[in-house]
N, C-alpha and C. Protein backbone atom coordinates (compact mmCIF):
# COMPACT_ATOMS: atom_id res chain seq x y z
N UNK A 1 47.08 -9.60 2.60
CA UNK A 1 46.26 -10.18 3.65
C UNK A 1 46.26 -11.70 3.46
N UNK A 2 46.55 -12.42 4.55
CA UNK A 2 46.57 -13.88 4.41
C UNK A 2 45.15 -14.44 4.38
N UNK A 3 45.06 -15.70 4.01
CA UNK A 3 43.74 -16.32 3.80
C UNK A 3 42.92 -16.35 5.09
N UNK A 4 43.55 -16.63 6.22
CA UNK A 4 42.82 -16.70 7.49
C UNK A 4 42.25 -15.32 7.85
N UNK A 5 43.04 -14.28 7.68
CA UNK A 5 42.57 -12.93 7.98
C UNK A 5 41.46 -12.53 7.02
N UNK A 6 41.59 -12.92 5.77
CA UNK A 6 40.56 -12.63 4.77
C UNK A 6 39.25 -13.31 5.14
N UNK A 7 39.31 -14.56 5.53
CA UNK A 7 38.09 -15.30 5.92
C UNK A 7 37.45 -14.66 7.15
N UNK A 8 38.27 -14.22 8.09
CA UNK A 8 37.75 -13.56 9.30
C UNK A 8 37.04 -12.26 8.91
N UNK A 9 37.65 -11.51 8.01
CA UNK A 9 37.05 -10.25 7.56
C UNK A 9 35.72 -10.51 6.83
N UNK A 10 35.69 -11.53 5.99
CA UNK A 10 34.46 -11.87 5.27
C UNK A 10 33.36 -12.27 6.25
N UNK A 11 33.70 -13.06 7.25
CA UNK A 11 32.72 -13.48 8.26
C UNK A 11 32.17 -12.26 9.00
N UNK A 12 33.06 -11.34 9.36
CA UNK A 12 32.64 -10.13 10.06
C UNK A 12 31.69 -9.31 9.18
N UNK A 13 32.02 -9.17 7.91
CA UNK A 13 31.15 -8.43 6.99
C UNK A 13 29.79 -9.10 6.83
N UNK A 14 29.79 -10.43 6.76
CA UNK A 14 28.52 -11.15 6.65
C UNK A 14 27.65 -10.89 7.86
N UNK A 15 28.25 -10.91 9.05
CA UNK A 15 27.49 -10.65 10.28
C UNK A 15 26.94 -9.23 10.28
N UNK A 16 27.75 -8.28 9.84
CA UNK A 16 27.29 -6.89 9.77
C UNK A 16 26.15 -6.74 8.76
N UNK A 17 26.27 -7.43 7.64
CA UNK A 17 25.22 -7.37 6.62
C UNK A 17 23.91 -7.94 7.14
N UNK A 18 23.98 -9.04 7.87
CA UNK A 18 22.77 -9.64 8.44
C UNK A 18 22.13 -8.66 9.42
N UNK A 19 22.94 -8.03 10.25
CA UNK A 19 22.41 -7.07 11.22
C UNK A 19 21.79 -5.86 10.50
N UNK A 20 22.45 -5.39 9.46
CA UNK A 20 21.92 -4.27 8.68
C UNK A 20 20.60 -4.66 8.03
N UNK A 21 20.52 -5.87 7.50
CA UNK A 21 19.28 -6.34 6.88
C UNK A 21 18.15 -6.40 7.91
N UNK A 22 18.46 -6.85 9.11
CA UNK A 22 17.44 -6.88 10.18
C UNK A 22 16.96 -5.47 10.51
N UNK A 23 17.91 -4.54 10.56
CA UNK A 23 17.56 -3.15 10.84
C UNK A 23 16.63 -2.60 9.75
N UNK A 24 16.97 -2.89 8.50
CA UNK A 24 16.14 -2.43 7.38
C UNK A 24 14.73 -3.01 7.50
N UNK A 25 14.64 -4.31 7.74
CA UNK A 25 13.34 -4.99 7.82
C UNK A 25 12.47 -4.45 8.94
N UNK A 26 13.09 -3.99 10.03
CA UNK A 26 12.34 -3.50 11.19
C UNK A 26 11.99 -2.01 11.09
N UNK A 27 12.56 -1.31 10.13
CA UNK A 27 12.31 0.12 9.98
C UNK A 27 10.90 0.34 9.43
N UNK A 28 10.20 1.29 10.03
CA UNK A 28 8.84 1.61 9.61
C UNK A 28 8.88 2.81 8.67
N UNK A 29 8.26 2.66 7.52
CA UNK A 29 8.18 3.71 6.52
C UNK A 29 6.73 4.17 6.41
N UNK A 30 6.55 5.47 6.27
CA UNK A 30 5.22 6.06 6.14
C UNK A 30 5.16 6.81 4.81
N UNK A 31 4.06 6.65 4.11
CA UNK A 31 3.87 7.35 2.84
C UNK A 31 2.41 7.77 2.71
N UNK A 32 2.21 8.87 2.00
CA UNK A 32 0.86 9.40 1.80
C UNK A 32 0.61 9.67 0.34
N UNK A 33 -0.67 9.71 0.00
CA UNK A 33 -1.07 10.05 -1.37
C UNK A 33 -2.39 10.80 -1.35
N UNK A 34 -2.44 11.86 -2.10
CA UNK A 34 -3.67 12.61 -2.27
C UNK A 34 -4.18 13.30 -1.02
N UNK A 35 -3.38 13.32 0.03
CA UNK A 35 -3.83 13.92 1.28
C UNK A 35 -4.95 13.15 1.95
N UNK A 36 -5.25 11.97 1.44
CA UNK A 36 -6.36 11.16 1.95
C UNK A 36 -5.88 9.85 2.55
N UNK A 37 -4.88 9.25 1.93
CA UNK A 37 -4.40 7.93 2.32
C UNK A 37 -3.01 8.04 2.92
N UNK A 38 -2.81 7.39 4.05
CA UNK A 38 -1.49 7.25 4.66
C UNK A 38 -1.29 5.79 4.97
N UNK A 39 -0.14 5.27 4.57
CA UNK A 39 0.14 3.86 4.85
C UNK A 39 1.43 3.76 5.65
N UNK A 40 1.55 2.64 6.35
CA UNK A 40 2.79 2.29 7.04
C UNK A 40 3.23 0.93 6.53
N UNK A 41 4.51 0.85 6.22
CA UNK A 41 5.07 -0.39 5.67
C UNK A 41 6.43 -0.61 6.31
N UNK A 42 6.69 -1.86 6.68
CA UNK A 42 8.00 -2.20 7.22
C UNK A 42 9.01 -2.34 6.09
N UNK A 43 10.27 -2.29 6.45
CA UNK A 43 11.34 -2.41 5.47
C UNK A 43 11.36 -3.71 4.71
N UNK A 44 10.69 -4.73 5.25
CA UNK A 44 10.57 -6.00 4.51
C UNK A 44 9.38 -5.97 3.55
N UNK A 45 8.81 -4.78 3.41
CA UNK A 45 7.69 -4.49 2.50
C UNK A 45 6.38 -5.13 2.93
N UNK A 46 6.27 -5.36 4.22
CA UNK A 46 5.01 -5.84 4.79
C UNK A 46 4.15 -4.61 5.13
N UNK A 47 2.98 -4.55 4.53
CA UNK A 47 2.06 -3.46 4.79
C UNK A 47 1.43 -3.67 6.16
N UNK A 48 1.56 -2.68 7.05
CA UNK A 48 1.06 -2.88 8.41
C UNK A 48 -0.13 -1.98 8.75
N UNK A 49 -0.33 -0.91 7.96
CA UNK A 49 -1.44 -0.03 8.31
C UNK A 49 -1.84 0.81 7.10
N UNK A 50 -3.14 0.99 6.94
CA UNK A 50 -3.68 1.91 5.94
C UNK A 50 -4.68 2.81 6.66
N UNK A 51 -4.43 4.11 6.60
CA UNK A 51 -5.36 5.08 7.17
C UNK A 51 -5.99 5.88 6.04
N UNK A 52 -7.29 6.05 6.14
CA UNK A 52 -8.02 6.87 5.18
C UNK A 52 -8.64 8.02 5.95
N UNK A 53 -8.39 9.22 5.48
CA UNK A 53 -8.91 10.40 6.14
C UNK A 53 -10.43 10.27 6.27
N UNK A 54 -10.94 10.42 7.49
CA UNK A 54 -12.39 10.24 7.69
C UNK A 54 -13.24 11.26 6.94
N UNK A 55 -12.63 12.34 6.50
CA UNK A 55 -13.41 13.33 5.74
C UNK A 55 -13.63 12.90 4.29
N UNK A 56 -12.94 11.85 3.85
CA UNK A 56 -13.13 11.36 2.48
C UNK A 56 -14.50 10.72 2.37
N UNK A 57 -15.25 11.16 1.38
CA UNK A 57 -16.58 10.60 1.14
C UNK A 57 -16.65 10.02 -0.26
N UNK A 58 -17.01 8.77 -0.34
CA UNK A 58 -17.17 8.12 -1.64
C UNK A 58 -18.65 8.13 -2.01
N UNK A 59 -18.95 8.72 -3.15
CA UNK A 59 -20.34 8.83 -3.59
C UNK A 59 -20.67 7.91 -4.75
N UNK A 60 -19.64 7.49 -5.47
CA UNK A 60 -19.88 6.60 -6.60
C UNK A 60 -18.64 5.76 -6.86
N UNK A 61 -18.72 4.92 -7.87
CA UNK A 61 -17.61 4.00 -8.15
C UNK A 61 -16.33 4.74 -8.53
N UNK A 62 -16.45 5.92 -9.13
CA UNK A 62 -15.26 6.70 -9.47
C UNK A 62 -14.49 7.11 -8.21
N UNK A 63 -15.24 7.44 -7.16
CA UNK A 63 -14.59 7.81 -5.90
C UNK A 63 -13.84 6.62 -5.31
N UNK A 64 -14.44 5.45 -5.38
CA UNK A 64 -13.77 4.26 -4.86
C UNK A 64 -12.54 3.91 -5.70
N UNK A 65 -12.65 4.13 -7.00
CA UNK A 65 -11.50 3.88 -7.88
C UNK A 65 -10.36 4.86 -7.55
N UNK A 66 -10.72 6.11 -7.30
CA UNK A 66 -9.72 7.11 -6.93
C UNK A 66 -9.06 6.73 -5.60
N UNK A 67 -9.86 6.27 -4.65
CA UNK A 67 -9.31 5.84 -3.37
C UNK A 67 -8.35 4.67 -3.56
N UNK A 68 -8.75 3.73 -4.37
CA UNK A 68 -7.89 2.58 -4.68
C UNK A 68 -6.57 3.04 -5.29
N UNK A 69 -6.65 3.98 -6.23
CA UNK A 69 -5.44 4.51 -6.87
C UNK A 69 -4.53 5.19 -5.85
N UNK A 70 -5.12 5.90 -4.90
CA UNK A 70 -4.31 6.56 -3.87
C UNK A 70 -3.62 5.55 -2.96
N UNK A 71 -4.31 4.47 -2.64
CA UNK A 71 -3.70 3.42 -1.82
C UNK A 71 -2.51 2.80 -2.55
N UNK A 72 -2.71 2.49 -3.82
CA UNK A 72 -1.62 1.93 -4.62
C UNK A 72 -0.46 2.91 -4.71
N UNK A 73 -0.75 4.18 -4.93
CA UNK A 73 0.30 5.20 -5.04
C UNK A 73 1.09 5.32 -3.74
N UNK A 74 0.39 5.33 -2.61
CA UNK A 74 1.09 5.43 -1.32
C UNK A 74 1.97 4.21 -1.10
N UNK A 75 1.47 3.04 -1.45
CA UNK A 75 2.28 1.82 -1.32
C UNK A 75 3.52 1.89 -2.20
N UNK A 76 3.37 2.37 -3.42
CA UNK A 76 4.51 2.46 -4.33
C UNK A 76 5.54 3.46 -3.83
N UNK A 77 5.08 4.56 -3.26
CA UNK A 77 6.00 5.54 -2.67
C UNK A 77 6.80 4.89 -1.55
N UNK A 78 6.11 4.15 -0.68
CA UNK A 78 6.81 3.48 0.42
C UNK A 78 7.82 2.46 -0.10
N UNK A 79 7.44 1.69 -1.10
CA UNK A 79 8.35 0.70 -1.68
C UNK A 79 9.58 1.39 -2.27
N UNK A 80 9.37 2.49 -2.97
CA UNK A 80 10.49 3.24 -3.54
C UNK A 80 11.41 3.76 -2.42
N UNK A 81 10.81 4.27 -1.34
CA UNK A 81 11.60 4.75 -0.20
C UNK A 81 12.40 3.61 0.43
N UNK A 82 11.78 2.45 0.57
CA UNK A 82 12.47 1.29 1.14
C UNK A 82 13.63 0.88 0.25
N UNK A 83 13.40 0.83 -1.04
CA UNK A 83 14.46 0.44 -1.97
C UNK A 83 15.64 1.41 -1.90
N UNK A 84 15.35 2.70 -1.84
CA UNK A 84 16.41 3.71 -1.75
C UNK A 84 17.17 3.57 -0.43
N UNK A 85 16.44 3.42 0.67
CA UNK A 85 17.05 3.26 1.99
C UNK A 85 17.93 2.02 2.03
N UNK A 86 17.43 0.92 1.47
CA UNK A 86 18.18 -0.34 1.44
C UNK A 86 19.46 -0.17 0.63
N UNK A 87 19.34 0.46 -0.52
CA UNK A 87 20.52 0.68 -1.37
C UNK A 87 21.57 1.50 -0.63
N UNK A 88 21.14 2.54 0.07
CA UNK A 88 22.08 3.38 0.81
C UNK A 88 22.76 2.59 1.92
N UNK A 89 21.99 1.80 2.64
CA UNK A 89 22.54 1.02 3.76
C UNK A 89 23.49 -0.07 3.30
N UNK A 90 23.21 -0.67 2.16
CA UNK A 90 23.99 -1.82 1.69
C UNK A 90 25.14 -1.41 0.76
N UNK A 91 25.19 -0.17 0.37
CA UNK A 91 26.20 0.29 -0.58
C UNK A 91 27.62 -0.01 -0.11
N UNK A 92 27.89 0.20 1.16
CA UNK A 92 29.25 -0.02 1.65
C UNK A 92 29.67 -1.48 1.53
N UNK A 93 28.72 -2.39 1.70
CA UNK A 93 29.06 -3.81 1.58
C UNK A 93 29.28 -4.20 0.12
N UNK A 94 28.53 -3.59 -0.76
CA UNK A 94 28.72 -3.87 -2.18
C UNK A 94 30.11 -3.47 -2.63
N UNK A 95 30.56 -2.31 -2.16
CA UNK A 95 31.90 -1.87 -2.57
C UNK A 95 32.98 -2.73 -1.92
N UNK A 96 32.77 -3.15 -0.69
CA UNK A 96 33.77 -3.99 -0.01
C UNK A 96 33.85 -5.38 -0.62
N UNK A 97 32.70 -5.93 -0.96
CA UNK A 97 32.68 -7.29 -1.48
C UNK A 97 32.82 -7.32 -3.00
N UNK A 98 32.68 -6.16 -3.60
CA UNK A 98 32.77 -6.10 -5.06
C UNK A 98 34.21 -6.02 -5.52
N UNK A 99 34.57 -4.89 -6.02
CA UNK A 99 35.89 -4.73 -6.61
C UNK A 99 36.75 -3.85 -5.72
N UNK A 100 37.85 -4.39 -5.24
CA UNK A 100 38.83 -3.61 -4.51
C UNK A 100 38.48 -3.29 -3.08
N UNK A 101 37.57 -4.01 -2.47
CA UNK A 101 37.19 -3.73 -1.09
C UNK A 101 38.17 -4.21 -0.05
N UNK A 102 39.04 -5.13 -0.41
CA UNK A 102 39.98 -5.65 0.58
C UNK A 102 41.37 -5.19 0.27
């Protein structure tokens, strides 16, 4: 492959990667914890919504601590899902730009 064709291919891959990154950032991920907390997070890891089941009743500080733990757990699940999704989407570019892609 000549240098001009190689540069054209690299530019095309960069454009595809940018578009894929935009798609990832706009994807909405939902995660739940404890059957009480449900969160929504965008692929850019921006938390956009936290829902708490209205039947949850906090009677003391332990209940609030448990609720806090469930919120953190749901957020971590969403982050893990986003990371996995991102890795899957970007894998093809890593192989192309890494070793032997051209």
